Amino acid sequence: RTGPMKVHRVPMPSHNDGKWRTYTNVIFANDTLLIPSYPDVSPELDRKALELYSKLLPDRRIVQIEASSIIQKNGSLHCISIQVPKLDTNSK
């Protein structure tokens, strides 16, 4: 698809406690999108992020993963999956 890029703003919880929570630290896994949730900070923003991704990616299954404990280690979903090796289906 060609044409102008469209930007959609994704809500971002407060970082007053020094933890940078974001809903863009996601994992695309086949037909599923895993998005973080932070119910201890903002259930309303969790709902808005879920609604936005569901609207923008209607052909994907959107799954929220509670990430409050992960964010305390200064990362989120994509961060913890970065070191997972790619499966080489061509090797014997």
Protein backbone atom coordinates (compact mmCIF):
# COMPACT_ATOMS: atom_id res chain seq x y z
CA ARG A 1 0.00 0.00 0.00
CA THR A 2 1.34 3.39 -0.91
CA GLY A 3 0.29 6.85 0.07
CA PRO A 4 0.82 9.25 2.91
CA MET A 5 1.69 7.90 6.32
CA LYS A 6 -1.03 8.12 8.95
CA VAL A 7 -0.06 8.74 12.55
CA HIS A 8 -2.25 7.48 15.36
CA ARG A 9 -1.50 8.66 18.87
CA VAL A 10 -1.24 5.88 21.42
CA PRO A 11 -2.01 6.85 25.02
CA MET A 12 0.87 6.79 27.50
CA PRO A 13 0.52 6.38 31.25
CA SER A 14 2.17 8.82 33.61
CA HIS A 15 5.84 8.28 34.37
CA ASN A 16 5.84 10.29 37.60
CA ASP A 17 7.39 7.33 39.43
CA GLY A 18 10.32 7.14 36.96
CA LYS A 19 8.96 4.08 35.10
CA TRP A 20 8.30 4.70 31.40
CA ARG A 21 5.21 2.63 30.70
CA THR A 22 4.17 2.51 27.08
CA TYR A 23 1.60 0.68 24.99
CA THR A 24 3.90 0.61 21.96
CA ASN A 25 6.31 -1.95 23.45
CA VAL A 26 4.41 -4.82 21.82
CA ILE A 27 5.00 -8.24 20.30
CA PHE A 28 3.66 -9.19 16.87
CA ALA A 29 3.25 -12.98 16.88
CA ASN A 30 1.68 -14.42 13.75
CA ASP A 31 -1.93 -13.20 13.73
CA THR A 32 -1.78 -12.01 17.34
CA LEU A 33 -0.61 -8.75 18.86
CA LEU A 34 0.45 -8.82 22.51
CA ILE A 35 0.13 -5.43 24.18
CA PRO A 36 1.13 -4.51 27.73
CA SER A 37 -1.35 -3.44 30.35
CA TYR A 38 -0.75 -1.58 33.59
CA PRO A 39 -3.96 -2.00 35.61
CA ASP A 40 -2.30 -0.74 38.79
CA VAL A 41 -1.66 2.63 37.09
CA SER A 42 -4.45 3.30 34.61
CA PRO A 43 -7.18 0.78 33.74
CA GLU A 44 -8.82 3.49 31.61
CA LEU A 45 -5.71 3.89 29.42
CA ASP A 46 -5.41 0.08 29.20
CA ARG A 47 -8.95 0.05 27.78
CA LYS A 48 -8.20 2.90 25.35
CA ALA A 49 -5.02 1.21 24.09
CA LEU A 50 -6.90 -2.05 23.54
CA GLU A 51 -9.67 -0.24 21.66
CA LEU A 52 -7.17 1.63 19.47
CA TYR A 53 -5.20 -1.46 18.47
CA SER A 54 -8.43 -3.39 17.85
CA LYS A 55 -9.64 -0.62 15.55
CA LEU A 56 -6.32 -0.25 13.69
CA LEU A 57 -5.61 -3.99 13.36
CA PRO A 58 -9.04 -5.62 12.96
CA ASP A 59 -7.60 -8.83 11.47
CA ARG A 60 -5.38 -9.53 14.48
CA ARG A 61 -6.25 -11.00 17.81
CA ILE A 62 -5.23 -8.44 20.45
CA VAL A 63 -4.16 -9.84 23.82
CA GLN A 64 -3.28 -7.69 26.82
CA ILE A 65 -0.46 -8.93 29.04
CA GLU A 66 -0.23 -7.52 32.55
CA ALA A 67 3.23 -5.91 32.54
CA SER A 68 3.44 -4.08 35.87
CA SER A 69 6.16 -6.36 37.24
CA ILE A 70 8.14 -6.30 33.98
CA ILE A 71 8.15 -2.50 33.86
CA GLN A 72 9.75 -2.43 37.32
CA LYS A 73 12.82 -3.98 35.63
CA ASN A 74 12.82 -1.11 33.07
CA GLY A 75 11.42 -3.02 30.12
CA SER A 76 8.21 -4.41 28.71
CA LEU A 77 6.99 -7.09 26.29
CA HIS A 78 9.18 -6.38 23.26
CA CYS A 79 12.20 -5.85 25.50
CA ILE A 80 11.92 -9.30 27.09
CA SER A 81 11.38 -11.02 23.73
CA ILE A 82 14.30 -9.41 21.89
CA GLN A 83 16.74 -12.22 22.77
CA VAL A 84 14.44 -15.04 21.66
CA PRO A 85 16.22 -16.60 18.67
CA LYS A 86 14.51 -17.01 15.33
CA LEU A 87 13.59 -20.61 14.59
CA ASP A 88 15.60 -21.79 11.57
CA THR A 89 13.17 -24.03 9.73
CA ASN A 90 15.71 -24.73 6.95
CA SER A 91 18.31 -26.47 9.13
CA LYS A 92 18.38 -30.25 9.32
